[in-house]
Amino acid sequence: NKKPLMPCSEKRARLLLSRGRAVVHLMTPFTIRLKDRVAG
């Protein structure tokens, strides 16, 4: 629901995107949005 979480490393972001758990939300600054998390 577009609430901020802790930033992650580039490697972890690549894994989340490749496994379909996240989508690209913004290219610059690069931001991903998780599909299965609502809090943290």
Full PDB file with SEQRES, HELIX, SHEET, SSBOND, CRYST1, ORIGX, SCALE, CONECT and MASTER records, all heavy atoms in Angstrom:
SEQRES   1 A   40  ASN LYS LYS PRO LEU MET PRO CYS SER GLU LYS ARG ALA          
SEQRES   2 A   40  ARG LEU LEU LEU SER ARG GLY ARG ALA VAL VAL HIS LEU          
SEQRES   3 A   40  MET THR PRO PHE THR ILE ARG LEU LYS ASP ARG VAL ALA          
SEQRES   4 A   40  GLY                                                          
HELIX    1 AA1 GLU A   10  SER A   18  1                                   9    
SHEET    1 AA1 2 ALA A  22  LEU A  26  0                                        
SHEET    2 AA1 2 THR A  31  LEU A  34 -1                                        
CRYST1    1.000    1.000    1.000  90.00  90.00  90.00 P 1           1          
ORIGX1      1.000000  0.000000  0.000000        0.00000                         
ORIGX2      0.000000  1.000000  0.000000        0.00000                         
ORIGX3      0.000000  0.000000  1.000000        0.00000                         
SCALE1      1.000000  0.000000  0.000000        0.00000                         
SCALE2      0.000000  1.000000  0.000000        0.00000                         
SCALE3      0.000000  0.000000  1.000000        0.00000                         
ATOM      1  N   ASN A   1       0.820  -1.215   0.000  1.00  0.00           N  
ATOM      2  CA  ASN A   1       0.000   0.000   0.000  1.00  0.00           C  
ATOM      3  C   ASN A   1       0.857   1.269   0.000  1.00  0.00           C  
ATOM      4  O   ASN A   1       0.447   2.318   0.488  1.00  0.00           O  
ATOM      5  CB  ASN A   1      -0.961   0.012   1.186  1.00  0.00           C  
ATOM      6  CG  ASN A   1      -0.240  -0.263   2.498  1.00  0.00           C  
ATOM      7  OD1 ASN A   1       0.982  -0.393   2.532  1.00  0.00           O  
ATOM      8  ND2 ASN A   1      -0.990  -0.324   3.580  1.00  0.00           N  
ATOM      9  N   LYS A   2       2.086   1.164  -0.531  1.00  0.00           N  
ATOM     10  CA  LYS A   2       2.991   2.298  -0.796  1.00  0.00           C  
ATOM     11  C   LYS A   2       3.492   3.003   0.469  1.00  0.00           C  
ATOM     12  O   LYS A   2       3.777   4.196   0.459  1.00  0.00           O  
ATOM     13  CB  LYS A   2       2.316   3.316  -1.718  1.00  0.00           C  
ATOM     14  CG  LYS A   2       1.929   2.743  -3.066  1.00  0.00           C  
ATOM     15  CD  LYS A   2       1.306   3.791  -3.956  1.00  0.00           C  
ATOM     16  CE  LYS A   2       0.869   3.188  -5.289  1.00  0.00           C  
ATOM     17  NZ  LYS A   2       0.233   4.187  -6.177  1.00  0.00           N  
ATOM     18  N   LYS A   3       3.639   2.271   1.557  1.00  0.00           N  
ATOM     19  CA  LYS A   3       4.248   2.805   2.772  1.00  0.00           C  
ATOM     20  C   LYS A   3       5.740   2.456   2.757  1.00  0.00           C  
ATOM     21  O   LYS A   3       6.120   1.359   2.329  1.00  0.00           O  
ATOM     22  CB  LYS A   3       3.586   2.220   4.018  1.00  0.00           C  
ATOM     23  CG  LYS A   3       2.097   2.536   4.133  1.00  0.00           C  
ATOM     24  CD  LYS A   3       1.859   4.024   4.269  1.00  0.00           C  
ATOM     25  CE  LYS A   3       0.364   4.335   4.410  1.00  0.00           C  
ATOM     26  NZ  LYS A   3       0.111   5.787   4.472  1.00  0.00           N  
ATOM     27  N   PRO A   4       6.607   3.342   3.242  1.00  0.00           N  
ATOM     28  CA  PRO A   4       8.050   3.083   3.149  1.00  0.00           C  
ATOM     29  C   PRO A   4       8.535   2.008   4.116  1.00  0.00           C  
ATOM     30  O   PRO A   4       8.089   1.939   5.270  1.00  0.00           O  
ATOM     31  CB  PRO A   4       8.673   4.449   3.497  1.00  0.00           C  
ATOM     32  CG  PRO A   4       7.637   5.150   4.313  1.00  0.00           C  
ATOM     33  CD  PRO A   4       6.321   4.677   3.800  1.00  0.00           C  
ATOM     34  N   LEU A   5       9.435   1.173   3.631  1.00  0.00           N  
ATOM     35  CA  LEU A   5      10.139   0.191   4.448  1.00  0.00           C  
ATOM     36  C   LEU A   5      11.630   0.532   4.433  1.00  0.00           C  
ATOM     37  O   LEU A   5      12.052   1.492   3.782  1.00  0.00           O  
ATOM     38  CB  LEU A   5       9.914  -1.218   3.899  1.00  0.00           C  
ATOM     39  CG  LEU A   5       8.513  -1.813   4.046  1.00  0.00           C  
ATOM     40  CD1 LEU A   5       8.431  -3.143   3.314  1.00  0.00           C  
ATOM     41  CD2 LEU A   5       8.150  -1.991   5.513  1.00  0.00           C  
ATOM     42  N   MET A   6      12.436  -0.258   5.104  1.00  0.00           N  
ATOM     43  CA  MET A   6      13.876  -0.029   5.115  1.00  0.00           C  
ATOM     44  C   MET A   6      14.462  -0.292   3.728  1.00  0.00           C  
ATOM     45  O   MET A   6      14.109  -1.281   3.074  1.00  0.00           O  
ATOM     46  CB  MET A   6      14.558  -0.946   6.135  1.00  0.00           C  
ATOM     47  CG  MET A   6      14.241  -0.596   7.580  1.00  0.00           C  
ATOM     48  SD  MET A   6      14.715   1.082   8.003  1.00  0.00           S  
ATOM     49  CE  MET A   6      16.483   1.000   7.769  1.00  0.00           C  
ATOM     50  N   PRO A   7      15.339   0.581   3.227  1.00  0.00           N  
ATOM     51  CA  PRO A   7      15.995   0.331   1.933  1.00  0.00           C  
ATOM     52  C   PRO A   7      16.794  -0.967   1.967  1.00  0.00           C  
ATOM     53  O   PRO A   7      17.286  -1.388   3.027  1.00  0.00           O  
ATOM     54  CB  PRO A   7      16.913   1.545   1.771  1.00  0.00           C  
ATOM     55  CG  PRO A   7      16.299   2.610   2.626  1.00  0.00           C  
ATOM     56  CD  PRO A   7      15.706   1.879   3.800  1.00  0.00           C  
ATOM     57  N   CYS A   8      16.923  -1.610   0.822  1.00  0.00           N  
ATOM     58  CA  CYS A   8      17.649  -2.875   0.740  1.00  0.00           C  
ATOM     59  C   CYS A   8      18.807  -2.735  -0.242  1.00  0.00           C  
ATOM     60  O   CYS A   8      18.955  -1.719  -0.925  1.00  0.00           O  
ATOM     61  CB  CYS A   8      16.714  -4.003   0.307  1.00  0.00           C  
ATOM     62  SG  CYS A   8      16.142  -3.868  -1.408  1.00  0.00           S  
ATOM     63  N   SER A   9      19.621  -3.768  -0.330  1.00  0.00           N  
ATOM     64  CA  SER A   9      20.763  -3.760  -1.247  1.00  0.00           C  
ATOM     65  C   SER A   9      20.288  -4.015  -2.679  1.00  0.00           C  
ATOM     66  O   SER A   9      19.171  -4.503  -2.905  1.00  0.00           O  
ATOM     67  CB  SER A   9      21.768  -4.833  -0.843  1.00  0.00           C  
ATOM     68  OG  SER A   9      21.198  -6.122  -0.985  1.00  0.00           O  
ATOM     69  N   GLU A  10      21.157  -3.721  -3.633  1.00  0.00           N  
ATOM     70  CA  GLU A  10      20.816  -3.947  -5.034  1.00  0.00           C  
ATOM     71  C   GLU A  10      20.622  -5.434  -5.323  1.00  0.00           C  
ATOM     72  O   GLU A  10      19.749  -5.822  -6.107  1.00  0.00           O  
ATOM     73  CB  GLU A  10      21.912  -3.373  -5.921  1.00  0.00           C  
ATOM     74  CG  GLU A  10      22.039  -1.861  -5.834  1.00  0.00           C  
ATOM     75  CD  GLU A  10      23.204  -1.333  -6.633  1.00  0.00           C  
ATOM     76  OE1 GLU A  10      24.036  -2.152  -7.094  1.00  0.00           O  
ATOM     77  OE2 GLU A  10      23.300  -0.110  -6.801  1.00  0.00           O  
ATOM     78  N   LYS A  11      21.428  -6.274  -4.682  1.00  0.00           N  
ATOM     79  CA  LYS A  11      21.322  -7.717  -4.899  1.00  0.00           C  
ATOM     80  C   LYS A  11      19.973  -8.244  -4.435  1.00  0.00           C  
ATOM     81  O   LYS A  11      19.310  -9.011  -5.145  1.00  0.00           O  
ATOM     82  CB  LYS A  11      22.448  -8.423  -4.154  1.00  0.00           C  
ATOM     83  CG  LYS A  11      22.432  -9.927  -4.315  1.00  0.00           C  
ATOM     84  CD  LYS A  11      23.572 -10.583  -3.560  1.00  0.00           C  
ATOM     85  CE  LYS A  11      23.523 -12.102  -3.688  1.00  0.00           C  
ATOM     86  NZ  LYS A  11      24.636 -12.747  -2.947  1.00  0.00           N  
ATOM     87  N   ARG A  12      19.543  -7.809  -3.256  1.00  0.00           N  
ATOM     88  CA  ARG A  12      18.254  -8.276  -2.740  1.00  0.00           C  
ATOM     89  C   ARG A  12      17.097  -7.772  -3.610  1.00  0.00           C  
ATOM     90  O   ARG A  12      16.135  -8.495  -3.873  1.00  0.00           O  
ATOM     91  CB  ARG A  12      18.068  -7.795  -1.299  1.00  0.00           C  
ATOM     92  CG  ARG A  12      16.764  -8.289  -0.664  1.00  0.00           C  
ATOM     93  CD  ARG A  12      16.762  -8.088   0.832  1.00  0.00           C  
ATOM     94  NE  ARG A  12      15.487  -8.499   1.419  1.00  0.00           N  
ATOM     95  CZ  ARG A  12      15.139  -9.747   1.665  1.00  0.00           C  
ATOM     96  NH1 ARG A  12      15.963 -10.736   1.343  1.00  0.00           N  
ATOM     97  NH2 ARG A  12      13.976 -10.036   2.209  1.00  0.00           N  
ATOM     98  N   ALA A  13      17.200  -6.531  -4.084  1.00  0.00           N  
ATOM     99  CA  ALA A  13      16.152  -5.988  -4.953  1.00  0.00           C  
ATOM    100  C   ALA A  13      16.075  -6.791  -6.251  1.00  0.00           C  
ATOM    101  O   ALA A  13      14.973  -7.071  -6.759  1.00  0.00           O  
ATOM    102  CB  ALA A  13      16.443  -4.521  -5.246  1.00  0.00           C  
ATOM    103  N   ARG A  14      17.235  -7.199  -6.784  1.00  0.00           N  
ATOM    104  CA  ARG A  14      17.265  -7.984  -8.014  1.00  0.00           C  
ATOM    105  C   ARG A  14      16.581  -9.341  -7.803  1.00  0.00           C  
ATOM    106  O   ARG A  14      15.831  -9.810  -8.663  1.00  0.00           O  
ATOM    107  CB  ARG A  14      18.718  -8.178  -8.459  1.00  0.00           C  
ATOM    108  CG  ARG A  14      18.862  -8.671  -9.893  1.00  0.00           C  
ATOM    109  CD  ARG A  14      20.317  -8.857 -10.269  1.00  0.00           C  
ATOM    110  NE  ARG A  14      21.083  -7.638 -10.106  1.00  0.00           N  
ATOM    111  CZ  ARG A  14      22.047  -7.465  -9.207  1.00  0.00           C  
ATOM    112  NH1 ARG A  14      22.381  -8.459  -8.393  1.00  0.00           N  
ATOM    113  NH2 ARG A  14      22.694  -6.328  -9.125  1.00  0.00           N  
ATOM    114  N   LEU A  15      16.829  -9.948  -6.653  1.00  0.00           N  
ATOM    115  CA  LEU A  15      16.195 -11.235  -6.350  1.00  0.00           C  
ATOM    116  C   LEU A  15      14.683 -11.101  -6.204  1.00  0.00           C  
ATOM    117  O   LEU A  15      13.912 -11.934  -6.707  1.00  0.00           O  
ATOM    118  CB  LEU A  15      16.798 -11.817  -5.068  1.00  0.00           C  
ATOM    119  CG  LEU A  15      18.240 -12.336  -5.167  1.00  0.00           C  
ATOM    120  CD1 LEU A  15      18.759 -12.719  -3.787  1.00  0.00           C  
ATOM    121  CD2 LEU A  15      18.316 -13.525  -6.114  1.00  0.00           C  
ATOM    122  N   LEU A  16      14.247 -10.036  -5.506  1.00  0.00           N  
ATOM    123  CA  LEU A  16      12.805  -9.832  -5.318  1.00  0.00           C  
ATOM    124  C   LEU A  16      12.105  -9.603  -6.646  1.00  0.00           C  
ATOM    125  O   LEU A  16      10.992 -10.103  -6.878  1.00  0.00           O  
ATOM    126  CB  LEU A  16      12.580  -8.636  -4.379  1.00  0.00           C  
ATOM    127  CG  LEU A  16      12.966  -8.836  -2.913  1.00  0.00           C  
ATOM    128  CD1 LEU A  16      12.910  -7.509  -2.160  1.00  0.00           C  
ATOM    129  CD2 LEU A  16      12.034  -9.846  -2.242  1.00  0.00           C  
ATOM    130  N   LEU A  17      12.742  -8.880  -7.546  1.00  0.00           N  
ATOM    131  CA  LEU A  17      12.138  -8.622  -8.854  1.00  0.00           C  
ATOM    132  C   LEU A  17      12.114  -9.882  -9.723  1.00  0.00           C  
ATOM    133  O   LEU A  17      11.119 -10.174 -10.396  1.00  0.00           O  
ATOM    134  CB  LEU A  17      12.912  -7.509  -9.569  1.00  0.00           C  
ATOM    135  CG  LEU A  17      12.776  -6.099  -8.985  1.00  0.00           C  
ATOM    136  CD1 LEU A  17      13.773  -5.158  -9.642  1.00  0.00           C  
ATOM    137  CD2 LEU A  17      11.358  -5.570  -9.167  1.00  0.00           C  
ATOM    138  N   SER A  18      13.201 -10.655  -9.695  1.00  0.00           N  
ATOM    139  CA  SER A  18      13.282 -11.857 -10.533  1.00  0.00           C  
ATOM    140  C   SER A  18      12.316 -12.941 -10.057  1.00  0.00           C  
ATOM    141  O   SER A  18      11.823 -13.733 -10.869  1.00  0.00           O  
ATOM    142  CB  SER A  18      14.718 -12.397 -10.536  1.00  0.00           C  
ATOM    143  OG  SER A  18      15.114 -12.788  -9.234  1.00  0.00           O  
ATOM    144  N   ARG A  19      12.036 -12.969  -8.751  1.00  0.00           N  
ATOM    145  CA  ARG A  19      11.121 -13.989  -8.211  1.00  0.00           C  
ATOM    146  C   ARG A  19       9.669 -13.541  -8.249  1.00  0.00           C  
ATOM    147  O   ARG A  19       8.777 -14.273  -7.776  1.00  0.00           O  
ATOM    148  CB  ARG A  19      11.523 -14.331  -6.781  1.00  0.00           C  
ATOM    149  CG  ARG A  19      12.872 -15.030  -6.693  1.00  0.00           C  
ATOM    150  CD  ARG A  19      13.335 -15.178  -5.269  1.00  0.00           C  
ATOM    151  NE  ARG A  19      14.658 -15.812  -5.203  1.00  0.00           N  
ATOM    152  CZ  ARG A  19      15.361 -15.968  -4.078  1.00  0.00           C  
ATOM    153  NH1 ARG A  19      14.872 -15.523  -2.922  1.00  0.00           N  
ATOM    154  NH2 ARG A  19      16.533 -16.556  -4.121  1.00  0.00           N  
ATOM    155  N   GLY A  20       9.406 -12.343  -8.758  1.00  0.00           N  
ATOM    156  CA  GLY A  20       8.031 -11.872  -8.885  1.00  0.00           C  
ATOM    157  C   GLY A  20       7.423 -11.374  -7.598  1.00  0.00           C  
ATOM    158  O   GLY A  20       6.197 -11.180  -7.524  1.00  0.00           O  
ATOM    159  N   ARG A  21       8.231 -11.142  -6.575  1.00  0.00           N  
ATOM    160  CA  ARG A  21       7.705 -10.660  -5.294  1.00  0.00           C  
ATOM    161  C   ARG A  21       7.607  -9.142  -5.253  1.00  0.00           C  
ATOM    162  O   ARG A  21       7.036  -8.575  -4.314  1.00  0.00           O  
ATOM    163  CB  ARG A  21       8.593 -11.137  -4.152  1.00  0.00           C  
ATOM    164  CG  ARG A  21       8.573 -12.636  -3.925  1.00  0.00           C  
ATOM    165  CD  ARG A  21       9.383 -12.988  -2.696  1.00  0.00           C  
ATOM    166  NE  ARG A  21       8.938 -12.250  -1.528  1.00  0.00           N  
ATOM    167  CZ  ARG A  21       9.637 -12.132  -0.402  1.00  0.00           C  
ATOM    168  NH1 ARG A  21      10.841 -12.692  -0.320  1.00  0.00           N  
ATOM    169  NH2 ARG A  21       9.164 -11.448   0.617  1.00  0.00           N  
ATOM    170  N   ALA A  22       8.178  -8.449  -6.246  1.00  0.00           N  
ATOM    171  CA  ALA A  22       8.170  -6.987  -6.257  1.00  0.00           C  
ATOM    172  C   ALA A  22       8.086  -6.488  -7.693  1.00  0.00           C  
ATOM    173  O   ALA A  22       8.383  -7.212  -8.648  1.00  0.00           O  
ATOM    174  CB  ALA A  22       9.424  -6.439  -5.569  1.00  0.00           C  
ATOM    175  N   VAL A  23       7.681  -5.231  -7.824  1.00  0.00           N  
ATOM    176  CA  VAL A  23       7.649  -4.560  -9.125  1.00  0.00           C  
ATOM    177  C   VAL A  23       8.394  -3.237  -8.995  1.00  0.00           C  
ATOM    178  O   VAL A  23       8.581  -2.712  -7.892  1.00  0.00           O  
ATOM    179  CB  VAL A  23       6.198  -4.302  -9.594  1.00  0.00           C  
ATOM    180  CG1 VAL A  23       5.478  -5.602  -9.857  1.00  0.00           C  
ATOM    181  CG2 VAL A  23       5.448  -3.448  -8.573  1.00  0.00           C  
ATOM    182  N   VAL A  24       8.829  -2.710 -10.143  1.00  0.00           N  
ATOM    183  CA  VAL A  24       9.516  -1.420 -10.131  1.00  0.00           C  
ATOM    184  C   VAL A  24       8.476  -0.315  -9.948  1.00  0.00           C  
ATOM    185  O   VAL A  24       7.532  -0.185 -10.733  1.00  0.00           O  
ATOM    186  CB  VAL A  24      10.301  -1.193 -11.441  1.00  0.00           C  
ATOM    187  CG1 VAL A  24      10.918   0.202 -11.450  1.00  0.00           C  
ATOM    188  CG2 VAL A  24      11.376  -2.259 -11.596  1.00  0.00           C  
ATOM    189  N   HIS A  25       8.655   0.475  -8.915  1.00  0.00           N  
ATOM    190  CA  HIS A  25       7.739   1.574  -8.621  1.00  0.00           C  
ATOM    191  C   HIS A  25       8.241   2.885  -9.209  1.00  0.00           C  
ATOM    192  O   HIS A  25       7.460   3.699  -9.717  1.00  0.00           O  
ATOM    193  CB  HIS A  25       7.573   1.720  -7.102  1.00  0.00           C  
ATOM    194  CG  HIS A  25       6.677   2.852  -6.694  1.00  0.00           C  
ATOM    195  ND1 HIS A  25       5.306   2.764  -6.761  1.00  0.00           N  
ATOM    196  CD2 HIS A  25       6.959   4.107  -6.231  1.00  0.00           C  
ATOM    197  CE1 HIS A  25       4.773   3.903  -6.347  1.00  0.00           C  
ATOM    198  NE2 HIS A  25       5.758   4.741  -6.022  1.00  0.00           N  
ATOM    199  N   LEU A  26       9.550   3.098  -9.170  1.00  0.00           N  
ATOM    200  CA  LEU A  26      10.152   4.345  -9.646  1.00  0.00           C  
ATOM    201  C   LEU A  26      11.554   4.032 -10.150  1.00  0.00           C  
ATOM    202  O   LEU A  26      12.306   3.295  -9.500  1.00  0.00           O  
ATOM    203  CB  LEU A  26      10.205   5.360  -8.499  1.00  0.00           C  
ATOM    204  CG  LEU A  26      10.387   6.836  -8.834  1.00  0.00           C  
ATOM    205  CD1 LEU A  26       9.210   7.355  -9.656  1.00  0.00           C  
ATOM    206  CD2 LEU A  26      10.524   7.657  -7.554  1.00  0.00           C  
ATOM    207  N   MET A  27      11.918   4.616 -11.297  1.00  0.00           N  
ATOM    208  CA  MET A  27      13.238   4.347 -11.862  1.00  0.00           C  
ATOM    209  C   MET A  27      14.330   5.182 -11.198  1.00  0.00           C  
ATOM    210  O   MET A  27      15.418   4.696 -10.936  1.00  0.00           O  
ATOM    211  CB  MET A  27      13.214   4.618 -13.366  1.00  0.00           C  
ATOM    212  CG  MET A  27      12.457   3.574 -14.173  1.00  0.00           C  
ATOM    213  SD  MET A  27      13.190   1.925 -14.070  1.00  0.00           S  
ATOM    214  CE  MET A  27      14.781   2.194 -14.839  1.00  0.00           C  
ATOM    215  N   THR A  28      14.047   6.482 -10.951  1.00  0.00           N  
ATOM    216  CA  THR A  28      15.034   7.370 -10.339  1.00  0.00           C  
ATOM    217  C   THR A  28      14.345   8.248  -9.310  1.00  0.00           C  
ATOM    218  O   THR A  28      13.431   9.003  -9.671  1.00  0.00           O  
ATOM    219  CB  THR A  28      15.699   8.277 -11.397  1.00  0.00           C  
ATOM    220  OG1 THR A  28      16.177   7.480 -12.479  1.00  0.00           O  
ATOM    221  CG2 THR A  28      16.838   9.048 -10.797  1.00  0.00           C  
ATOM    222  N   PRO A  29      14.777   8.160  -8.031  1.00  0.00           N  
ATOM    223  CA  PRO A  29      15.675   7.152  -7.473  1.00  0.00           C  
ATOM    224  C   PRO A  29      15.010   5.780  -7.494  1.00  0.00           C  
ATOM    225  O   PRO A  29      13.793   5.688  -7.302  1.00  0.00           O  
ATOM    226  CB  PRO A  29      15.898   7.646  -6.048  1.00  0.00           C  
ATOM    227  CG  PRO A  29      14.723   8.492  -5.735  1.00  0.00           C  
ATOM    228  CD  PRO A  29      14.289   9.121  -7.006  1.00  0.00           C  
ATOM    229  N   PHE A  30      15.811   4.745  -7.764  1.00  0.00           N  
ATOM    230  CA  PHE A  30      15.258   3.417  -8.011  1.00  0.00           C  
ATOM    231  C   PHE A  30      14.523   2.904  -6.777  1.00  0.00           C  
ATOM    232  O   PHE A  30      15.074   2.841  -5.677  1.00  0.00           O  
ATOM    233  CB  PHE A  30      16.365   2.441  -8.392  1.00  0.00           C  
ATOM    234  CG  PHE A  30      15.833   1.162  -8.953  1.00  0.00           C  
ATOM    235  CD1 PHE A  30      15.247   1.122 -10.209  1.00  0.00           C  
ATOM    236  CD2 PHE A  30      15.894  -0.014  -8.225  1.00  0.00           C  
ATOM    237  CE1 PHE A  30      14.741  -0.052 -10.740  1.00  0.00           C  
ATOM    238  CE2 PHE A  30      15.387  -1.195  -8.739  1.00  0.00           C  
ATOM    239  CZ  PHE A  30      14.813  -1.209 -10.006  1.00  0.00           C  
ATOM    240  N   THR A  31      13.233   2.552  -6.987  1.00  0.00           N  
ATOM    241  CA  THR A  31      12.354   2.138  -5.887  1.00  0.00           C  
ATOM    242  C   THR A  31      11.539   0.937  -6.348  1.00  0.00           C  
ATOM    243  O   THR A  31      11.030   0.917  -7.475  1.00  0.00           O  
ATOM    244  CB  THR A  31      11.402   3.285  -5.495  1.00  0.00           C  
ATOM    245  OG1 THR A  31      12.159   4.470  -5.240  1.00  0.00           O  
ATOM    246  CG2 THR A  31      10.607   2.924  -4.245  1.00  0.00           C  
ATOM    247  N   ILE A  32      11.421  -0.051  -5.475  1.00  0.00           N  
ATOM    248  CA  ILE A  32      10.581  -1.210  -5.770  1.00  0.00           C  
ATOM    249  C   ILE A  32       9.408  -1.255  -4.800  1.00  0.00           C  
ATOM    250  O   ILE A  32       9.473  -0.687  -3.697  1.00  0.00           O  
ATOM    251  CB  ILE A  32      11.380  -2.532  -5.694  1.00  0.00           C  
ATOM    252  CG1 ILE A  32      11.929  -2.754  -4.269  1.00  0.00           C  
ATOM    253  CG2 ILE A  32      12.501  -2.546  -6.720  1.00  0.00           C  
ATOM    254  CD1 ILE A  32      12.593  -4.112  -4.069  1.00  0.00           C  
ATOM    255  N   ARG A  33       8.334  -1.914  -5.226  1.00  0.00           N  
ATOM    256  CA  ARG A  33       7.152  -2.073  -4.374  1.00  0.00           C  
ATOM    257  C   ARG A  33       6.853  -3.550  -4.214  1.00  0.00           C  
ATOM    258  O   ARG A  33       6.715  -4.281  -5.210  1.00  0.00           O  
ATOM    259  CB  ARG A  33       5.959  -1.345  -4.999  1.00  0.00           C  
ATOM    260  CG  ARG A  33       4.727  -1.317  -4.088  1.00  0.00           C  
ATOM    261  CD  ARG A  33       3.614  -0.452  -4.654  1.00  0.00           C  
ATOM    262  NE  ARG A  33       2.959  -1.083  -5.796  1.00  0.00           N  
ATOM    263  CZ  ARG A  33       3.064  -0.663  -7.040  1.00  0.00           C  
ATOM    264  NH1 ARG A  33       3.816   0.381  -7.328  1.00  0.00           N  
ATOM    265  NH2 ARG A  33       2.424  -1.286  -8.023  1.00  0.00           N  
ATOM    266  N   LEU A  34       6.781  -3.999  -2.970  1.00  0.00           N  
ATOM    267  CA  LEU A  34       6.528  -5.405  -2.673  1.00  0.00           C  
ATOM    268  C   LEU A  34       5.062  -5.756  -2.900  1.00  0.00           C  
ATOM    269  O   LEU A  34       4.166  -4.935  -2.676  1.00  0.00           O  
ATOM    270  CB  LEU A  34       6.909  -5.717  -1.229  1.00  0.00           C  
ATOM    271  CG  LEU A  34       8.380  -5.478  -0.847  1.00  0.00           C  
ATOM    272  CD1 LEU A  34       8.592  -5.785   0.624  1.00  0.00           C  
ATOM    273  CD2 LEU A  34       9.313  -6.322  -1.706  1.00  0.00           C  
ATOM    274  N   LYS A  35       4.812  -6.984  -3.331  1.00  0.00           N  
ATOM    275  CA  LYS A  35       3.447  -7.448  -3.594  1.00  0.00           C  
ATOM    276  C   LYS A  35       2.805  -8.130  -2.390  1.00  0.00           C  
ATOM    277  O   LYS A  35       1.572  -8.255  -2.329  1.00  0.00           O  
ATOM    278  CB  LYS A  35       3.450  -8.439  -4.767  1.00  0.00           C  
ATOM    279  CG  LYS A  35       3.860  -7.836  -6.100  1.00  0.00           C  
ATOM    280  CD  LYS A  35       3.797  -8.897  -7.186  1.00  0.00           C  
ATOM    281  CE  LYS A  35       4.124  -8.334  -8.556  1.00  0.00           C  
ATOM    282  NZ  LYS A  35       4.049  -9.385  -9.608  1.00  0.00           N  
ATOM    283  N   ASP A  36       3.649  -8.572  -1.441  1.00  0.00           N  
ATOM    284  CA  ASP A  36       3.117  -9.426  -0.367  1.00  0.00           C  
ATOM    285  C   ASP A  36       3.386  -8.875   1.031  1.00  0.00           C  
ATOM    286  O   ASP A  36       3.289  -9.608   2.016  1.00  0.00           O  
ATOM    287  CB  ASP A  36       3.714 -10.827  -0.478  1.00  0.00           C  
ATOM    288  CG  ASP A  36       5.246 -10.786  -0.516  1.00  0.00           C  
ATOM    289  OD1 ASP A  36       5.807  -9.668  -0.484  1.00  0.00           O  
ATOM    290  OD2 ASP A  36       5.861 -11.862  -0.586  1.00  0.00           O  
ATOM    291  N   ARG A  37       3.741  -7.608   1.145  1.00  0.00           N  
ATOM    292  CA  ARG A  37       4.021  -7.027   2.470  1.00  0.00           C  
ATOM    293  C   ARG A  37       3.197  -5.765   2.649  1.00  0.00           C  
ATOM    294  O   ARG A  37       3.108  -4.923   1.756  1.00  0.00           O  
ATOM    295  CB  ARG A  37       5.508  -6.645   2.582  1.00  0.00           C  
ATOM    296  CG  ARG A  37       6.472  -7.823   2.618  1.00  0.00           C  
ATOM    297  CD  ARG A  37       6.614  -8.407   4.012  1.00  0.00           C  
ATOM    298  NE  ARG A  37       7.147  -7.482   4.974  1.00  0.00           N  
ATOM    299  CZ  ARG A  37       8.443  -7.247   5.177  1.00  0.00           C  
ATOM    300  NH1 ARG A  37       9.348  -7.874   4.431  1.00  0.00           N  
ATOM    301  NH2 ARG A  37       8.832  -6.410   6.092  1.00  0.00           N  
ATOM    302  N   VAL A  38       2.612  -5.606   3.835  1.00  0.00           N  
ATOM    303  CA  VAL A  38       1.840  -4.397   4.158  1.00  0.00           C  
ATOM    304  C   VAL A  38       2.423  -3.667   5.357  1.00  0.00           C  
ATOM    305  O   VAL A  38       1.973  -2.570   5.706  1.00  0.00           O  
ATOM    306  CB  VAL A  38       0.359  -4.728   4.427  1.00  0.00           C  
ATOM    307  CG1 VAL A  38      -0.323  -5.207   3.156  1.00  0.00           C  
ATOM    308  CG2 VAL A  38       0.223  -5.754   5.551  1.00  0.00           C  
ATOM    309  N   ALA A  39       3.433  -4.241   6.007  1.00  0.00           N  
ATOM    310  CA  ALA A  39       4.051  -3.597   7.173  1.00  0.00           C  
ATOM    311  C   ALA A  39       5.427  -4.206   7.386  1.00  0.00           C  
ATOM    312  O   ALA A  39       5.785  -5.222   6.781  1.00  0.00           O  
ATOM    313  CB  ALA A  39       3.173  -3.770   8.413  1.00  0.00           C  
ATOM    314  N   GLY A  40       6.199  -3.580   8.264  1.00  0.00           N  
ATOM    315  CA  GLY A  40       7.532  -4.080   8.565  1.00  0.00           C  
ATOM    316  C   GLY A  40       8.178  -3.250   9.657  1.00  0.00           C  
ATOM    317  O   GLY A  40       7.752  -2.127   9.954  1.00  0.00           O  
TER     318      GLY A  40                                                      
MASTER        0    0    0    1    2    0    0    6  317    1    0    4          
END                                                                             
